Amino acid sequence: MAKTNYLGMTLNERLFTAGILDEFDAAIDDNNRARVVELLGSVEVDNPHGIADSLLGSGYVCWFCGEGIEQHGRQALAIGLSDLWSDQCDEPPTQIIYAHFDCAQKRMGGSSMALEQVVLFPPAPET
C-alpha cells in the first residue's frame, strides 16, 4: 500500500484520510494524552506533544524539549526574559518561557554560573 502524503492537509483532513478521526476525538474526550500524541504522530504532525498540550489545555510546554509540563512530577520553571537595556518604561516588556528544571539545567549551562536546584527547589524541612 502506498504511503499517504499529508503535505498541505489540515489536521482534520489528515485524521479523516487516515480513518482515525473518530478515534482521535474519543482520545480528546478521554483526555488521553498518550493516545492523542500517538495518533498525531501517525499522521506526521510536527511537534505532536505540543499540539496535544494545546488541544488538551495544559498550556505549559517546555521551551527545550517541547513536552507538556504537568503540575505534579518533574520540577518546572517559569523564566522571565526582558531587554536588559530597555528604557521604554519602568517595567520593560517581558516574555515568560516555561521549562522542566532538568531540561533548563542541561541547556542553560553558563561559563561561570549554573542553575542551582537547591536554590529553586529547597528540600522540605524535616518534621
N, C-alpha and C. Protein backbone atom coordinates (compact mmCIF):
# COMPACT_ATOMS: atom_id res chain seq x y z
N MET A 1 0.84 -1.18 0.00
CA MET A 1 0.00 0.00 0.00
C MET A 1 0.89 1.25 0.00
N ALA A 2 0.52 2.25 -0.79
CA ALA A 2 1.31 3.48 -0.91
C ALA A 2 1.16 4.33 0.36
N LYS A 3 2.25 4.99 0.71
CA LYS A 3 2.24 5.87 1.88
C LYS A 3 1.47 7.15 1.53
N THR A 4 0.65 7.61 2.48
CA THR A 4 -0.14 8.82 2.28
C THR A 4 0.74 10.05 2.38
N ASN A 5 0.56 10.97 1.46
CA ASN A 5 1.27 12.25 1.50
C ASN A 5 0.36 13.27 2.18
N TYR A 6 0.69 13.65 3.42
CA TYR A 6 -0.15 14.56 4.19
C TYR A 6 0.19 16.03 3.95
N LEU A 7 1.18 16.29 3.12
CA LEU A 7 1.62 17.66 2.86
C LEU A 7 0.46 18.53 2.40
N GLY A 8 0.28 19.68 3.05
CA GLY A 8 -0.77 20.62 2.68
C GLY A 8 -2.14 20.33 3.27
N MET A 9 -2.27 19.25 4.03
CA MET A 9 -3.56 18.90 4.63
C MET A 9 -3.68 19.52 6.02
N THR A 10 -4.89 19.89 6.39
CA THR A 10 -5.15 20.32 7.76
C THR A 10 -5.12 19.10 8.66
N LEU A 11 -5.12 19.33 9.97
CA LEU A 11 -5.12 18.21 10.91
C LEU A 11 -6.35 17.34 10.70
N ASN A 12 -7.53 17.94 10.60
CA ASN A 12 -8.74 17.15 10.41
C ASN A 12 -8.70 16.35 9.11
N GLU A 13 -8.16 16.94 8.05
CA GLU A 13 -8.04 16.21 6.78
C GLU A 13 -7.11 15.02 6.93
N ARG A 14 -6.02 15.20 7.64
CA ARG A 14 -5.08 14.09 7.87
C ARG A 14 -5.75 12.96 8.65
N LEU A 15 -6.43 13.33 9.73
CA LEU A 15 -7.09 12.31 10.57
C LEU A 15 -8.19 11.59 9.80
N PHE A 16 -8.96 12.33 9.00
CA PHE A 16 -10.03 11.73 8.20
C PHE A 16 -9.45 10.79 7.15
N THR A 17 -8.41 11.25 6.45
CA THR A 17 -7.78 10.45 5.41
C THR A 17 -7.21 9.15 5.98
N ALA A 18 -6.67 9.22 7.19
CA ALA A 18 -6.10 8.04 7.85
C ALA A 18 -7.18 7.15 8.46
N GLY A 19 -8.42 7.64 8.50
CA GLY A 19 -9.52 6.84 9.06
C GLY A 19 -9.52 6.79 10.58
N ILE A 20 -8.92 7.80 11.22
CA ILE A 20 -8.81 7.78 12.69
C ILE A 20 -9.44 9.01 13.35
N LEU A 21 -10.27 9.73 12.62
CA LEU A 21 -10.87 10.95 13.17
C LEU A 21 -11.72 10.65 14.41
N ASP A 22 -12.56 9.63 14.34
CA ASP A 22 -13.41 9.29 15.49
C ASP A 22 -12.56 8.82 16.68
N GLU A 23 -11.52 8.04 16.38
CA GLU A 23 -10.63 7.56 17.44
C GLU A 23 -9.90 8.74 18.11
N PHE A 24 -9.49 9.70 17.30
CA PHE A 24 -8.82 10.90 17.81
C PHE A 24 -9.77 11.70 18.70
N ASP A 25 -10.99 11.91 18.22
CA ASP A 25 -11.99 12.64 19.02
C ASP A 25 -12.24 11.95 20.35
N ALA A 26 -12.29 10.61 20.34
CA ALA A 26 -12.50 9.86 21.58
C ALA A 26 -11.32 10.04 22.53
N ALA A 27 -10.10 10.06 21.99
CA ALA A 27 -8.91 10.26 22.83
C ALA A 27 -8.92 11.66 23.45
N ILE A 28 -9.38 12.64 22.69
CA ILE A 28 -9.50 14.00 23.23
C ILE A 28 -10.55 14.02 24.34
N ASP A 29 -11.70 13.41 24.08
CA ASP A 29 -12.78 13.36 25.08
C ASP A 29 -12.33 12.67 26.36
N ASP A 30 -11.49 11.63 26.22
CA ASP A 30 -11.00 10.88 27.38
C ASP A 30 -9.78 11.54 28.03
N ASN A 31 -9.31 12.66 27.45
CA ASN A 31 -8.11 13.34 27.94
C ASN A 31 -6.92 12.39 27.98
N ASN A 32 -6.84 11.52 26.96
CA ASN A 32 -5.79 10.51 26.88
C ASN A 32 -4.61 11.08 26.08
N ARG A 33 -3.73 11.78 26.78
CA ARG A 33 -2.61 12.48 26.15
C ARG A 33 -1.73 11.53 25.34
N ALA A 34 -1.39 10.37 25.89
CA ALA A 34 -0.50 9.44 25.18
C ALA A 34 -1.11 9.00 23.85
N ARG A 35 -2.41 8.71 23.85
CA ARG A 35 -3.07 8.28 22.62
C ARG A 35 -3.17 9.43 21.62
N VAL A 36 -3.45 10.62 22.10
CA VAL A 36 -3.52 11.79 21.21
C VAL A 36 -2.17 12.00 20.53
N VAL A 37 -1.09 11.93 21.30
CA VAL A 37 0.26 12.10 20.75
C VAL A 37 0.54 11.00 19.71
N GLU A 38 0.18 9.77 20.04
CA GLU A 38 0.40 8.65 19.13
C GLU A 38 -0.35 8.86 17.80
N LEU A 39 -1.61 9.27 17.90
CA LEU A 39 -2.41 9.48 16.68
C LEU A 39 -1.87 10.65 15.86
N LEU A 40 -1.47 11.72 16.53
CA LEU A 40 -0.88 12.86 15.81
C LEU A 40 0.39 12.45 15.09
N GLY A 41 1.21 11.66 15.75
CA GLY A 41 2.44 11.18 15.12
C GLY A 41 2.16 10.30 13.91
N SER A 42 1.08 9.52 13.97
CA SER A 42 0.76 8.61 12.87
C SER A 42 0.36 9.34 11.60
N VAL A 43 -0.05 10.61 11.72
CA VAL A 43 -0.39 11.40 10.53
C VAL A 43 0.67 12.48 10.28
N GLU A 44 1.87 12.22 10.81
CA GLU A 44 3.05 13.04 10.54
C GLU A 44 2.91 14.52 10.91
N VAL A 45 2.29 14.76 12.07
CA VAL A 45 2.16 16.13 12.57
C VAL A 45 3.47 16.52 13.24
N ASP A 46 3.97 17.72 12.93
CA ASP A 46 5.15 18.23 13.62
C ASP A 46 4.79 18.55 15.06
N ASN A 47 5.67 18.24 16.00
CA ASN A 47 5.51 18.54 17.42
C ASN A 47 4.19 18.00 17.99
N PRO A 48 3.98 16.69 17.91
CA PRO A 48 2.71 16.13 18.43
C PRO A 48 2.49 16.39 19.91
N HIS A 49 3.58 16.46 20.71
CA HIS A 49 3.42 16.74 22.14
C HIS A 49 2.88 18.15 22.37
N GLY A 50 3.43 19.11 21.68
CA GLY A 50 2.97 20.49 21.82
C GLY A 50 1.54 20.67 21.37
N ILE A 51 1.17 20.03 20.27
CA ILE A 51 -0.21 20.13 19.79
C ILE A 51 -1.16 19.45 20.76
N ALA A 52 -0.76 18.29 21.28
CA ALA A 52 -1.61 17.60 22.26
C ALA A 52 -1.81 18.48 23.49
N ASP A 53 -0.76 19.13 23.95
CA ASP A 53 -0.89 20.02 25.10
C ASP A 53 -1.84 21.17 24.81
N SER A 54 -1.75 21.72 23.61
CA SER A 54 -2.67 22.81 23.23
C SER A 54 -4.11 22.33 23.19
N LEU A 55 -4.31 21.17 22.61
CA LEU A 55 -5.67 20.63 22.47
C LEU A 55 -6.27 20.21 23.81
N LEU A 56 -5.41 19.70 24.69
CA LEU A 56 -5.90 19.21 25.98
C LEU A 56 -5.85 20.27 27.07
N GLY A 57 -5.35 21.43 26.74
CA GLY A 57 -5.45 22.56 27.64
C GLY A 57 -4.43 22.67 28.73
N SER A 58 -3.30 21.94 28.68
CA SER A 58 -2.32 22.09 29.75
C SER A 58 -1.69 23.48 29.71
N GLY A 59 -1.43 23.98 28.51
CA GLY A 59 -0.93 25.33 28.36
C GLY A 59 0.54 25.53 28.65
N TYR A 60 1.17 24.65 29.38
CA TYR A 60 2.58 24.80 29.70
C TYR A 60 3.38 23.75 28.95
N VAL A 61 4.28 24.22 28.09
CA VAL A 61 5.11 23.34 27.29
C VAL A 61 6.57 23.73 27.51
N CYS A 62 7.42 22.75 27.72
CA CYS A 62 8.84 23.02 27.95
C CYS A 62 9.47 23.64 26.71
N TRP A 63 10.11 24.78 26.90
CA TRP A 63 10.79 25.51 25.83
C TRP A 63 11.84 24.63 25.15
N PHE A 64 12.47 23.75 25.90
CA PHE A 64 13.60 22.99 25.40
C PHE A 64 13.21 21.66 24.76
N CYS A 65 12.36 20.87 25.42
CA CYS A 65 12.04 19.54 24.88
C CYS A 65 10.71 19.51 24.14
N GLY A 66 9.87 20.52 24.34
CA GLY A 66 8.59 20.57 23.64
C GLY A 66 7.49 19.73 24.26
N GLU A 67 7.76 19.08 25.37
CA GLU A 67 6.75 18.26 26.03
C GLU A 67 5.97 19.10 27.04
N GLY A 68 4.77 18.64 27.35
CA GLY A 68 3.93 19.33 28.31
C GLY A 68 4.53 19.30 29.70
N ILE A 69 4.20 20.32 30.48
CA ILE A 69 4.66 20.40 31.86
C ILE A 69 3.44 20.19 32.75
N GLU A 70 3.46 19.11 33.46
CA GLU A 70 2.36 18.79 34.37
C GLU A 70 2.62 19.45 35.73
N GLN A 71 1.56 19.69 36.47
CA GLN A 71 1.70 20.34 37.77
C GLN A 71 2.38 19.42 38.78
N HIS A 72 2.26 18.15 38.62
CA HIS A 72 2.91 17.22 39.53
C HIS A 72 4.02 16.48 38.76
N GLY A 73 4.98 15.96 39.46
CA GLY A 73 6.07 15.25 38.80
C GLY A 73 7.32 16.09 38.73
N ARG A 74 7.86 16.22 37.54
CA ARG A 74 9.13 16.92 37.35
C ARG A 74 9.05 18.37 37.81
N GLN A 75 10.15 18.88 38.33
CA GLN A 75 10.19 20.28 38.75
C GLN A 75 10.18 21.17 37.51
N ALA A 76 9.53 22.31 37.61
CA ALA A 76 9.36 23.18 36.45
C ALA A 76 9.69 24.62 36.79
N LEU A 77 10.04 25.38 35.75
CA LEU A 77 10.42 26.78 35.91
C LEU A 77 9.59 27.68 35.02
N ALA A 78 9.35 28.89 35.48
CA ALA A 78 8.85 29.99 34.64
C ALA A 78 10.02 30.96 34.56
N ILE A 79 10.50 31.20 33.35
CA ILE A 79 11.69 32.03 33.15
C ILE A 79 11.28 33.32 32.47
N GLY A 80 11.52 34.44 33.15
CA GLY A 80 11.17 35.75 32.60
C GLY A 80 12.33 36.34 31.81
N LEU A 81 12.03 36.81 30.61
CA LEU A 81 13.05 37.41 29.75
C LEU A 81 12.64 38.83 29.41
N SER A 82 13.58 39.75 29.48
CA SER A 82 13.31 41.12 29.07
C SER A 82 14.59 41.74 28.53
N ASP A 83 14.45 42.83 27.82
CA ASP A 83 15.59 43.56 27.26
C ASP A 83 16.36 44.19 28.41
N LEU A 84 17.59 43.76 28.61
CA LEU A 84 18.41 44.25 29.71
C LEU A 84 18.60 45.76 29.66
N TRP A 85 18.66 46.33 28.48
CA TRP A 85 18.96 47.74 28.32
C TRP A 85 17.73 48.57 28.00
N SER A 86 16.55 48.00 28.15
CA SER A 86 15.32 48.70 27.79
C SER A 86 15.10 49.93 28.67
N ASP A 87 14.82 51.04 28.01
CA ASP A 87 14.48 52.25 28.76
C ASP A 87 13.11 52.77 28.32
N GLN A 88 12.29 51.87 27.77
CA GLN A 88 10.98 52.24 27.26
C GLN A 88 10.03 52.68 28.38
N CYS A 89 10.16 52.04 29.51
CA CYS A 89 9.25 52.34 30.62
C CYS A 89 9.84 51.78 31.91
N ASP A 90 9.13 52.00 33.02
CA ASP A 90 9.62 51.48 34.29
C ASP A 90 9.73 49.96 34.28
N GLU A 91 8.78 49.31 33.63
CA GLU A 91 8.82 47.86 33.52
C GLU A 91 8.90 47.49 32.05
N PRO A 92 10.06 46.99 31.61
CA PRO A 92 10.18 46.63 30.19
C PRO A 92 9.28 45.44 29.86
N PRO A 93 8.89 45.32 28.60
CA PRO A 93 8.09 44.16 28.19
C PRO A 93 8.84 42.87 28.53
N THR A 94 8.11 41.88 29.00
CA THR A 94 8.71 40.63 29.44
C THR A 94 8.03 39.46 28.74
N GLN A 95 8.83 38.48 28.39
CA GLN A 95 8.30 37.23 27.85
C GLN A 95 8.59 36.14 28.86
N ILE A 96 7.63 35.29 29.12
CA ILE A 96 7.82 34.18 30.04
C ILE A 96 7.91 32.90 29.23
N ILE A 97 8.94 32.11 29.49
CA ILE A 97 9.03 30.78 28.90
C ILE A 97 8.98 29.77 30.04
N TYR A 98 8.56 28.57 29.71
CA TYR A 98 8.41 27.52 30.71
C TYR A 98 9.34 26.37 30.37
N ALA A 99 9.83 25.70 31.40
CA ALA A 99 10.76 24.61 31.16
C ALA A 99 10.76 23.64 32.33
N HIS A 100 11.04 22.37 32.02
CA HIS A 100 11.36 21.41 33.08
C HIS A 100 12.72 21.85 33.63
N PHE A 101 12.91 21.75 34.93
CA PHE A 101 14.18 22.16 35.51
C PHE A 101 15.35 21.42 34.87
N ASP A 102 15.23 20.10 34.73
CA ASP A 102 16.37 19.34 34.21
C ASP A 102 16.68 19.71 32.76
N CYS A 103 15.67 20.03 31.95
CA CYS A 103 15.92 20.48 30.58
C CYS A 103 16.66 21.82 30.58
N ALA A 104 16.20 22.74 31.42
CA ALA A 104 16.85 24.06 31.51
C ALA A 104 18.28 23.93 32.02
N GLN A 105 18.48 23.09 33.01
CA GLN A 105 19.82 22.92 33.59
C GLN A 105 20.79 22.40 32.54
N LYS A 106 20.34 21.46 31.72
CA LYS A 106 21.20 20.91 30.66
C LYS A 106 21.52 21.94 29.59
N ARG A 107 20.53 22.75 29.24
CA ARG A 107 20.67 23.65 28.09
C ARG A 107 21.15 25.06 28.45
N MET A 108 21.10 25.41 29.73
CA MET A 108 21.45 26.77 30.12
C MET A 108 22.72 26.83 30.97
N GLY A 109 23.62 25.90 30.76
CA GLY A 109 24.87 25.93 31.49
C GLY A 109 25.69 27.14 31.08
N GLY A 110 26.05 27.95 32.02
CA GLY A 110 26.83 29.15 31.72
C GLY A 110 28.31 28.91 31.90
N SER A 111 29.09 29.90 31.50
CA SER A 111 30.55 29.76 31.64
C SER A 111 30.98 29.92 33.09
N SER A 112 30.22 30.69 33.87
CA SER A 112 30.62 30.89 35.26
C SER A 112 29.47 30.69 36.24
N MET A 113 28.28 30.38 35.74
CA MET A 113 27.12 30.18 36.61
C MET A 113 26.36 28.94 36.14
N ALA A 114 25.58 28.39 37.04
CA ALA A 114 24.73 27.25 36.71
C ALA A 114 23.42 27.39 37.46
N LEU A 115 22.39 26.78 36.93
CA LEU A 115 21.12 26.74 37.66
C LEU A 115 21.31 25.84 38.87
N GLU A 116 20.86 26.31 40.01
CA GLU A 116 21.05 25.55 41.24
C GLU A 116 19.70 25.04 41.73
N GLN A 117 19.54 23.75 41.65
CA GLN A 117 18.28 23.11 42.03
C GLN A 117 17.90 23.38 43.48
N VAL A 118 18.86 23.32 44.38
CA VAL A 118 18.57 23.51 45.80
C VAL A 118 18.10 24.94 46.10
N VAL A 119 18.54 25.90 45.29
CA VAL A 119 18.09 27.28 45.49
C VAL A 119 16.64 27.44 45.02
N LEU A 120 16.34 26.87 43.88
CA LEU A 120 14.99 27.00 43.30
C LEU A 120 13.98 26.07 43.95
N PHE A 121 14.45 24.89 44.38
CA PHE A 121 13.55 23.90 44.98
C PHE A 121 14.18 23.38 46.27
N PRO A 122 14.16 24.21 47.33
CA PRO A 122 14.79 23.77 48.58
C PRO A 122 14.08 22.54 49.13
N PRO A 123 14.84 21.67 49.78
CA PRO A 123 14.21 20.49 50.37
C PRO A 123 13.22 20.88 51.47
N ALA A 124 12.18 20.09 51.60
CA ALA A 124 11.19 20.34 52.65
C ALA A 124 11.84 20.14 54.01
N PRO A 125 11.51 21.01 54.97
CA PRO A 125 12.09 20.83 56.31
C PRO A 125 11.61 19.52 56.94
N GLU A 126 12.52 18.90 57.66
CA GLU A 126 12.16 17.65 58.34
C GLU A 126 11.30 17.96 59.56
N THR A 127 10.33 17.12 59.79
CA THR A 127 9.44 17.34 60.95
C THR A 127 9.67 16.34 62.03
